[in-house]
Amino acid sequence: MRVFVTGGTGHAGSAIIPELVAAGHEVTSLARSDTAAAALSALGAKVRRGDLEDLGGLRQAAAESDGVIHVGWRRELMMSGGIDAVTAAELAIVLALGEALAGTGKPLVAAGSIGSPGWENLGRPATEQDPALPGGDEFRGTLRVRNIVETTVVGLAEQGVRSSIVRIPPIAHSTTDSAGFLPLLIALAQEKGVVGYPGDGQNLWQAVHIRDVASLFRLALEQGPAGRYWHAIEDEGITVRAIAEAIGSRLGLPAVSIPADVLMLPGYFGFLANLVTLDLPASNLITRRTLGWEPAQPGLLADLDNGHYFPAG
């Protein structure tokens, strides 16, 4: 297949492109600079110069492809307009891609959030059949503002696009993870001298190796039915306390509870306070049964033991 990939130089994209190339696909990806173009060429992709602001260029690139994987986003808007600005831009992008693919039956696979169904309200592990919920005024709702993007992508199935969403967990780990949530937790622990976890730390978080994410995107592109959600997770969750203790073991720091009554105050977690309290149990059973996806890379705790998140010196 001729596959157009956005976000090809990002953490996910730079794993997805080699996965596609190794499977025999011809990949074209978007580059806005000479540095990005060189990185994409090194990954085995053809380079299309442009950026996500050029909706006409995105339509043309999608129309010339046999399928699209969309993992890019306009990061620069976060500082100036916050999540609302990012969401508005993202919605325009997926609608442009969908317009180019409408009526063709070609695939569009886009990235989503493992928290989009509102896990904490389900009382059970979320499944791929749980739709994205609308956002609200609270922090968790703000995280789900982008759910309109997920529902829009899935809704493109009604317009003849083989569209689907790959829900990605808070932690997507690998040797190339330099700006994800895990490095933030590690840096915070080094700054504070302890590794904190909220309350009893028994809330569950999801994690996945980025190379397993890449293989799931490829399978969804190649064979995924239209209008579906896929869960890029390794199991039903790891307790936040276990993650904190694993980080503490590598850093030689104690893992300590941050009491609920001080959790929201300025202090240990700062702007991450609301995020670390999320409880995100989920299942990947439908994904595995439908697409034949099986995570094959090291799990989170094993990857932490590998030591690459803790360079000497």
Protein backbone atom coordinates (compact mmCIF):
# COMPACT_ATOMS: atom_id res chain seq x y z
CA MET A 1 0.00 0.00 0.00
CA ARG A 2 0.98 3.63 -0.51
CA VAL A 3 0.56 5.05 3.00
CA PHE A 4 0.56 8.70 3.98
CA VAL A 5 1.70 9.28 7.60
CA THR A 6 1.43 12.51 9.57
CA GLY A 7 3.63 13.05 12.61
CA GLY A 8 6.30 10.79 11.18
CA THR A 9 9.15 12.25 13.24
CA GLY A 10 7.29 11.99 16.55
CA HIS A 11 7.62 9.18 19.09
CA ALA A 12 4.81 7.10 17.58
CA GLY A 13 5.41 8.05 13.97
CA SER A 14 9.09 7.20 14.04
CA ALA A 15 8.15 3.67 15.13
CA ILE A 16 5.19 3.34 12.75
CA ILE A 17 7.16 4.19 9.59
CA PRO A 18 9.79 1.39 9.98
CA GLU A 19 6.98 -1.03 10.87
CA LEU A 20 5.17 -0.18 7.62
CA VAL A 21 8.32 -0.26 5.50
CA ALA A 22 9.32 -3.65 6.90
CA ALA A 23 5.88 -4.96 5.92
CA GLY A 24 6.41 -3.86 2.33
CA HIS A 25 4.39 -0.65 2.29
CA GLU A 26 5.50 2.53 0.50
CA VAL A 27 5.40 5.35 3.03
CA THR A 28 5.23 9.10 2.45
CA SER A 29 5.37 11.43 5.44
CA LEU A 30 5.09 15.14 6.04
CA ALA A 31 8.16 17.29 6.82
CA ARG A 32 8.23 21.01 7.51
CA SER A 33 12.03 21.33 7.80
CA ASP A 34 15.24 19.95 6.34
CA THR A 35 15.96 18.24 9.66
CA ALA A 36 12.59 16.47 9.63
CA ALA A 37 13.05 15.50 5.98
CA ALA A 38 16.42 13.91 6.73
CA ALA A 39 14.95 12.01 9.69
CA LEU A 40 12.09 10.67 7.58
CA SER A 41 14.43 9.57 4.81
CA ALA A 42 16.54 7.73 7.37
CA LEU A 43 13.42 5.86 8.49
CA GLY A 44 12.74 4.74 4.92
CA ALA A 45 9.93 7.15 4.03
CA LYS A 46 9.47 9.40 1.04
CA VAL A 47 9.25 13.05 2.02
CA ARG A 48 6.40 15.43 1.28
CA ARG A 49 7.27 18.99 2.27
CA GLY A 50 4.50 20.80 4.10
CA ASP A 51 2.75 21.05 7.45
CA LEU A 52 -0.55 20.36 9.16
CA GLU A 53 -1.79 23.90 8.56
CA ASP A 54 -2.02 23.21 4.81
CA LEU A 55 -5.37 21.43 4.63
CA GLY A 56 -5.34 21.43 0.83
CA GLY A 57 -1.99 19.71 0.84
CA LEU A 58 -3.28 17.12 3.31
CA ARG A 59 -6.29 16.39 1.07
CA GLN A 60 -4.03 15.92 -1.93
CA ALA A 61 -1.61 13.65 -0.07
CA ALA A 62 -4.48 11.54 1.26
CA ALA A 63 -6.13 11.31 -2.17
CA GLU A 64 -2.86 10.06 -3.68
CA SER A 65 -2.49 7.34 -1.04
CA ASP A 66 -4.05 3.94 -0.44
CA GLY A 67 -4.46 4.76 3.24
CA VAL A 68 -3.59 7.30 5.93
CA ILE A 69 -2.17 7.04 9.44
CA HIS A 70 -2.62 10.26 11.40
CA VAL A 71 -0.52 10.70 14.55
CA GLY A 72 0.59 14.30 14.06
CA TRP A 73 -0.83 17.23 16.00
CA ARG A 74 -0.21 20.96 16.17
CA ARG A 75 1.81 21.02 19.36
CA GLU A 76 2.62 24.72 18.99
CA LEU A 77 -1.02 25.67 19.63
CA MET A 78 -0.98 24.26 23.16
CA MET A 79 0.96 27.23 24.54
CA SER A 80 -1.12 29.90 22.83
CA GLY A 81 -4.62 28.44 22.84
CA GLY A 82 -4.57 25.34 25.03
CA ILE A 83 -6.40 22.09 24.34
CA ASP A 84 -9.35 23.86 22.71
CA ALA A 85 -7.11 25.32 20.01
CA VAL A 86 -5.40 21.98 19.46
CA THR A 87 -8.78 20.26 19.19
CA ALA A 88 -10.14 22.76 16.68
CA ALA A 89 -7.08 22.33 14.49
CA GLU A 90 -7.20 18.55 14.83
CA LEU A 91 -10.86 18.45 13.86
CA ALA A 92 -10.15 20.42 10.68
CA ILE A 93 -7.30 18.04 9.83
CA VAL A 94 -9.28 14.82 10.18
CA LEU A 95 -12.20 16.29 8.25
CA ALA A 96 -9.83 17.22 5.42
CA LEU A 97 -8.36 13.72 5.37
CA GLY A 98 -11.85 12.21 5.50
CA GLU A 99 -13.03 14.37 2.63
CA ALA A 100 -10.20 13.08 0.44
CA LEU A 101 -10.96 9.45 1.32
CA ALA A 102 -14.78 9.61 1.29
CA GLY A 103 -16.42 6.87 -0.74
CA THR A 104 -13.17 5.02 -1.40
CA GLY A 105 -13.21 2.42 1.37
CA LYS A 106 -9.59 3.32 2.07
CA PRO A 107 -8.35 3.28 5.67
CA LEU A 108 -7.77 6.24 7.96
CA VAL A 109 -6.28 5.27 11.32
CA ALA A 110 -5.84 8.04 13.88
CA ALA A 111 -4.52 8.25 17.42
CA GLY A 112 -6.90 8.53 20.37
CA SER A 113 -6.76 8.46 24.16
CA ILE A 114 -7.08 5.44 26.42
CA GLY A 115 -9.11 7.64 28.80
CA SER A 116 -11.69 8.76 26.27
CA PRO A 117 -14.61 6.54 27.42
CA GLY A 118 -14.44 7.97 30.95
CA TRP A 119 -12.99 4.90 32.66
CA GLU A 120 -13.65 6.03 36.23
CA ASN A 121 -17.40 6.02 35.65
CA LEU A 122 -17.72 2.52 34.22
CA GLY A 123 -17.11 0.37 37.29
CA ARG A 124 -15.33 -2.20 35.11
CA PRO A 125 -12.44 -2.34 32.63
CA ALA A 126 -13.32 -0.36 29.52
CA THR A 127 -13.54 -2.22 26.23
CA GLU A 128 -13.17 -1.25 22.61
CA GLN A 129 -16.96 -1.13 22.36
CA ASP A 130 -17.15 1.80 24.79
CA PRO A 131 -17.49 5.03 22.80
CA ALA A 132 -15.69 8.25 23.56
CA LEU A 133 -17.67 10.37 25.99
CA PRO A 134 -18.23 14.12 25.62
CA GLY A 135 -16.04 16.40 27.71
CA GLY A 136 -17.08 18.60 30.59
CA ASP A 137 -15.85 21.43 32.80
CA GLU A 138 -13.73 19.33 35.13
CA PHE A 139 -10.13 18.37 34.43
CA ARG A 140 -11.05 14.88 33.28
CA GLY A 141 -13.61 16.45 30.99
CA THR A 142 -10.98 18.81 29.65
CA LEU A 143 -8.83 15.81 28.82
CA ARG A 144 -11.79 14.50 26.85
CA VAL A 145 -12.40 17.68 24.86
CA ARG A 146 -10.53 15.97 22.06
CA ASN A 147 -13.09 13.17 22.07
CA ILE A 148 -14.93 15.04 19.35
CA VAL A 149 -11.96 14.18 17.13
CA GLU A 150 -12.28 10.48 17.94
CA THR A 151 -16.02 10.41 17.30
CA THR A 152 -15.54 12.36 14.07
CA VAL A 153 -12.95 9.89 12.78
CA VAL A 154 -15.10 6.88 13.68
CA GLY A 155 -18.12 8.61 12.09
CA LEU A 156 -16.28 8.85 8.76
CA ALA A 157 -17.16 5.17 8.32
CA GLU A 158 -20.63 6.37 7.32
CA GLN A 159 -19.00 8.27 4.45
CA GLY A 160 -17.22 5.28 2.99
CA VAL A 161 -13.93 5.63 4.84
CA ARG A 162 -12.47 2.57 6.63
CA SER A 163 -11.75 4.71 9.65
CA SER A 164 -10.67 3.66 13.13
CA ILE A 165 -9.03 4.98 16.29
CA VAL A 166 -6.08 3.46 18.15
CA ARG A 167 -6.38 4.47 21.80
CA ILE A 168 -2.93 5.03 23.31
CA PRO A 169 -2.21 4.90 27.07
CA PRO A 170 -0.64 7.65 29.19
CA ILE A 171 2.70 5.82 29.08
CA ALA A 172 4.08 4.72 25.71
CA HIS A 173 7.62 3.67 26.57
CA SER A 174 10.74 2.89 24.55
CA THR A 175 14.42 3.71 24.23
CA THR A 176 13.45 6.80 22.20
CA ASP A 177 10.94 8.20 24.72
CA SER A 178 12.38 11.56 25.72
CA ALA A 179 9.31 13.77 26.16
CA GLY A 180 6.53 11.46 27.33
CA PHE A 181 4.83 11.17 30.70
CA LEU A 182 7.37 8.70 32.14
CA PRO A 183 10.36 11.06 31.72
CA LEU A 184 8.25 13.74 33.45
CA LEU A 185 7.66 11.45 36.45
CA ILE A 186 11.36 10.58 36.62
CA ALA A 187 12.45 14.22 36.40
CA LEU A 188 9.93 15.15 39.11
CA ALA A 189 11.27 12.43 41.40
CA GLN A 190 14.85 13.63 40.87
CA GLU A 191 13.79 17.19 41.69
CA LYS A 192 11.85 16.28 44.84
CA GLY A 193 14.12 13.54 46.17
CA VAL A 194 11.21 11.11 46.56
CA VAL A 195 8.89 9.30 44.16
CA GLY A 196 5.32 10.24 44.99
CA TYR A 197 2.10 8.37 44.33
CA PRO A 198 -1.46 9.52 45.17
CA GLY A 199 -3.12 8.08 48.28
CA ASP A 200 -2.69 4.31 48.44
CA GLY A 201 -1.46 4.26 44.85
CA GLN A 202 -3.81 1.46 43.85
CA ASN A 203 -5.32 3.29 40.86
CA LEU A 204 -4.45 1.56 37.61
CA TRP A 205 -2.57 3.02 34.69
CA GLN A 206 -2.05 1.67 31.22
CA ALA A 207 1.25 1.36 29.39
CA VAL A 208 2.54 -0.05 26.12
CA HIS A 209 5.81 -0.22 24.23
CA ILE A 210 5.82 2.15 21.27
CA ARG A 211 6.84 -0.63 18.89
CA ASP A 212 3.72 -2.56 19.89
CA VAL A 213 1.72 0.62 19.19
CA ALA A 214 3.30 0.69 15.73
CA SER A 215 2.33 -2.89 14.96
CA LEU A 216 -1.27 -2.18 16.00
CA PHE A 217 -1.48 0.83 13.68
CA ARG A 218 -0.22 -1.36 10.83
CA LEU A 219 -2.77 -4.09 11.53
CA ALA A 220 -5.62 -1.57 11.78
CA LEU A 221 -4.50 -0.04 8.48
CA GLU A 222 -4.25 -3.40 6.71
CA GLN A 223 -7.32 -5.19 7.98
CA GLY A 224 -9.27 -3.21 10.56
CA PRO A 225 -13.03 -2.91 10.01
CA ALA A 226 -14.52 0.57 9.68
CA GLY A 227 -15.80 2.61 12.59
CA ARG A 228 -13.91 0.82 15.35
CA TYR A 229 -11.77 1.60 18.39
CA TRP A 230 -8.62 -0.40 19.20
CA HIS A 231 -6.82 -0.58 22.56
CA ALA A 232 -3.02 -0.38 22.46
CA ILE A 233 -2.50 -1.73 25.99
CA GLU A 234 -0.52 -4.61 27.44
CA ASP A 235 -2.88 -5.66 30.24
CA GLU A 236 -5.65 -4.27 32.44
CA GLY A 237 -3.29 -1.89 34.21
CA ILE A 238 -0.36 -1.38 36.57
CA THR A 239 -0.84 0.34 39.92
CA VAL A 240 0.65 3.81 40.13
CA ARG A 241 2.37 2.72 43.33
CA ALA A 242 4.14 -0.11 41.47
CA ILE A 243 5.31 2.37 38.84
CA ALA A 244 6.55 4.74 41.55
CA GLU A 245 8.37 1.94 43.37
CA ALA A 246 10.05 0.80 40.14
CA ILE A 247 11.25 4.35 39.45
CA GLY A 248 12.40 4.71 43.06
CA SER A 249 14.35 1.47 42.88
CA ARG A 250 16.31 2.68 39.86
CA LEU A 251 16.93 6.15 41.33
CA GLY A 252 17.66 4.99 44.87
CA LEU A 253 14.80 7.11 46.18
CA PRO A 254 11.88 6.22 48.49
CA ALA A 255 8.37 5.88 47.06
CA VAL A 256 5.97 7.82 49.29
CA SER A 257 2.24 8.45 49.43
CA ILE A 258 0.97 11.96 48.76
CA PRO A 259 -2.18 12.31 50.92
CA ALA A 260 -5.40 13.22 49.17
CA ASP A 261 -5.85 16.39 51.26
CA VAL A 262 -2.59 17.86 49.97
CA LEU A 263 -2.62 16.35 46.51
CA MET A 264 -4.27 19.33 44.84
CA LEU A 265 -2.17 21.94 46.65
CA PRO A 266 0.98 23.38 45.07
CA GLY A 267 3.62 20.84 45.85
CA TYR A 268 4.80 17.49 44.66
CA PHE A 269 2.71 16.82 41.56
CA GLY A 270 1.96 20.37 40.48
CA PHE A 271 0.03 20.45 37.20
CA LEU A 272 0.11 16.65 37.07
CA ALA A 273 -1.96 16.24 40.25
CA ASN A 274 -5.28 15.55 38.54
CA LEU A 275 -3.74 13.21 36.00
CA VAL A 276 -1.98 10.84 38.39
CA THR A 277 -5.21 10.08 40.24
CA LEU A 278 -6.91 8.63 37.16
CA ASP A 279 -7.97 4.99 37.37
CA LEU A 280 -7.78 3.48 33.87
CA PRO A 281 -8.52 -0.27 33.85
CA ALA A 282 -9.13 -1.49 30.31
CA SER A 283 -9.23 -4.62 28.16
CA ASN A 284 -7.51 -5.34 24.85
CA LEU A 285 -9.40 -8.58 24.18
CA ILE A 286 -11.40 -7.36 21.16
CA THR A 287 -8.28 -5.83 19.61
CA ARG A 288 -6.34 -9.07 19.98
CA ARG A 289 -9.15 -11.29 18.72
CA THR A 290 -10.12 -9.08 15.77
CA LEU A 291 -6.71 -8.00 14.51
CA GLY A 292 -4.48 -10.76 15.87
CA TRP A 293 -2.40 -8.19 17.72
CA GLU A 294 -0.16 -9.47 20.49
CA PRO A 295 2.22 -7.17 22.37
CA ALA A 296 5.71 -8.59 21.88
CA GLN A 297 7.98 -5.94 23.42
CA PRO A 298 9.07 -5.58 27.07
CA GLY A 299 6.40 -4.45 29.48
CA LEU A 300 6.70 -1.20 31.42
CA LEU A 301 8.35 -2.57 34.56
CA ALA A 302 10.78 -4.67 32.50
CA ASP A 303 11.61 -1.64 30.36
CA LEU A 304 12.31 0.41 33.48
CA ASP A 305 14.66 -2.36 34.60
CA ASN A 306 16.49 -2.10 31.27
CA GLY A 307 17.89 1.17 32.55
CA HIS A 308 17.70 3.36 29.45
CA TYR A 309 15.44 5.83 31.26
CA PHE A 310 18.22 6.30 33.84
CA PRO A 311 21.46 7.12 32.03
CA ALA A 312 24.57 6.96 34.18
CA GLY A 313 25.86 10.29 35.40
